[in-house]
Protein backbone atom coordinates (compact mmCIF):
# COMPACT_ATOMS: atom_id res chain seq x y z
CA MET A 1 162.76 170.84 135.13
CA ASN A 2 160.68 171.86 139.17
CA ARG A 3 161.12 169.93 142.56
CA ASN A 4 158.11 167.73 141.56
CA GLU A 5 159.42 166.87 137.97
CA ARG A 6 163.09 166.09 139.21
CA ARG A 7 161.28 163.72 142.25
CA ILE A 8 159.19 162.27 139.38
CA VAL A 9 162.42 161.36 136.76
CA GLY A 10 163.95 160.21 140.27
CA PHE A 11 162.11 157.50 141.46
CA LEU A 12 161.03 156.29 137.70
CA ARG A 13 165.11 156.45 137.28
CA GLN A 14 164.90 153.84 140.07
CA LEU A 15 161.44 152.60 139.49
CA PHE A 16 163.54 151.37 136.41
CA ARG A 17 167.33 150.24 137.52
CA ARG A 18 165.44 147.52 140.60
CA CYS A 19 163.30 146.77 137.51
CA GLU A 20 166.45 146.45 135.44
CA ASP A 21 168.23 144.51 138.57
CA ARG A 22 165.79 141.71 138.60
CA LEU A 23 165.61 141.25 135.03
CA PHE A 24 169.30 140.57 135.17
CA ALA A 25 169.61 138.66 138.20
CA SER A 26 170.75 135.42 136.80
CA ASP A 27 173.06 136.18 134.38
CA ASP A 28 174.60 138.35 136.89
CA ALA A 29 174.40 135.12 138.94
CA TRP A 30 175.83 133.51 136.30
CA ALA A 31 178.73 135.45 135.28
CA GLN A 32 179.73 136.23 139.05
CA HIS A 33 179.71 132.73 139.93
CA ARG A 34 183.10 131.89 136.69
CA GLY A 35 184.19 135.43 138.20
CA LEU A 36 183.26 138.18 135.05
CA GLN A 37 183.47 141.12 135.68
CA ILE A 38 179.89 142.37 135.29
CA SER A 39 179.58 146.93 134.39
CA ARG A 40 176.17 148.45 133.30
CA ARG A 41 176.22 149.75 130.08
CA PRO A 42 177.10 153.74 129.61
CA ASN A 43 173.34 154.17 128.72
CA GLY A 44 171.99 152.06 131.72
CA HIS A 45 170.36 149.62 129.30
CA GLY A 46 171.93 146.31 129.43
CA ARG A 47 175.23 144.65 131.29
CA ARG A 48 178.93 144.71 130.16
CA TYR A 49 180.11 140.46 131.16
CA ARG A 50 183.94 140.81 130.90
CA ASP A 51 186.43 138.19 131.26
CA PRO A 52 189.52 139.38 133.54
CA ARG A 53 191.61 136.91 132.16
CA TRP A 54 192.05 138.58 129.15
CA ASP A 55 194.19 141.21 130.71
CA LEU A 56 196.65 138.39 131.17
CA VAL A 57 196.73 138.44 127.37
CA THR A 58 199.55 141.31 125.57
CA ALA A 59 200.89 141.91 121.80
CA CYS A 60 204.21 139.74 121.81
CA PRO A 61 207.31 141.99 122.55
CA GLU A 62 208.85 139.89 119.82
CA CYS A 63 207.20 140.31 116.49
CA THR A 64 205.26 143.22 116.84
CA ASP A 65 201.70 141.31 116.70
CA ILE A 66 202.85 139.44 113.86
CA GLY A 67 203.89 136.49 114.76
CA ALA A 68 207.04 135.74 112.90
CA SER A 69 210.64 136.43 113.35
CA GLY A 70 212.35 136.99 110.31
CA ILE A 71 212.04 133.95 107.74
CA GLY A 72 210.40 131.67 111.40
CA ARG A 73 207.69 131.58 113.99
CA CYS A 74 208.27 133.41 116.04
CA GLY A 75 210.22 132.20 118.81
CA GLU A 76 208.97 133.96 121.92
CA CYS A 77 204.70 134.19 121.40
CA GLY A 78 205.20 130.61 118.78
CA GLY A 79 204.09 132.40 116.33
CA ARG A 80 200.15 133.15 117.43
CA GLY A 81 201.49 137.13 117.91
CA THR A 82 200.43 137.55 121.94
CA VAL A 83 202.45 136.15 125.34
CA ARG A 84 200.77 136.42 128.52
CA LEU A 85 201.61 137.62 131.19
CA ASP A 86 202.77 136.57 134.28
CA LYS A 87 200.86 138.72 136.67
CA ALA A 88 196.94 137.57 137.47
CA PRO A 89 194.44 140.39 137.36
CA THR A 90 191.87 140.88 140.62
CA VAL A 91 189.03 140.22 140.23
CA THR A 92 186.18 142.10 141.30
CA ARG A 93 182.38 139.98 141.89
CA ASN A 94 180.37 142.45 143.16
CA PRO A 95 177.40 143.09 140.36
CA PRO A 96 177.33 146.89 139.96
């Protein structure tokens, strides 16, 4: 690819990114308002919105995510199979 072709491809990528930013502006604002993490899809087409509170949920160490310990419900997780961690994750509120 010669220099002019690279410039054209770069310009088109930048133009596409601007169009995508405008297309997802309202969704990004909604997600940002709710404290969700916003990331671009690996292929560059679309967004991924993720609630960082899921970082607080993990498998129960007592019953190893089964929800039962011995013959009864697990006392650690109450039979859910998951427990919440104490430390809250940091939230990134800036769109990509």
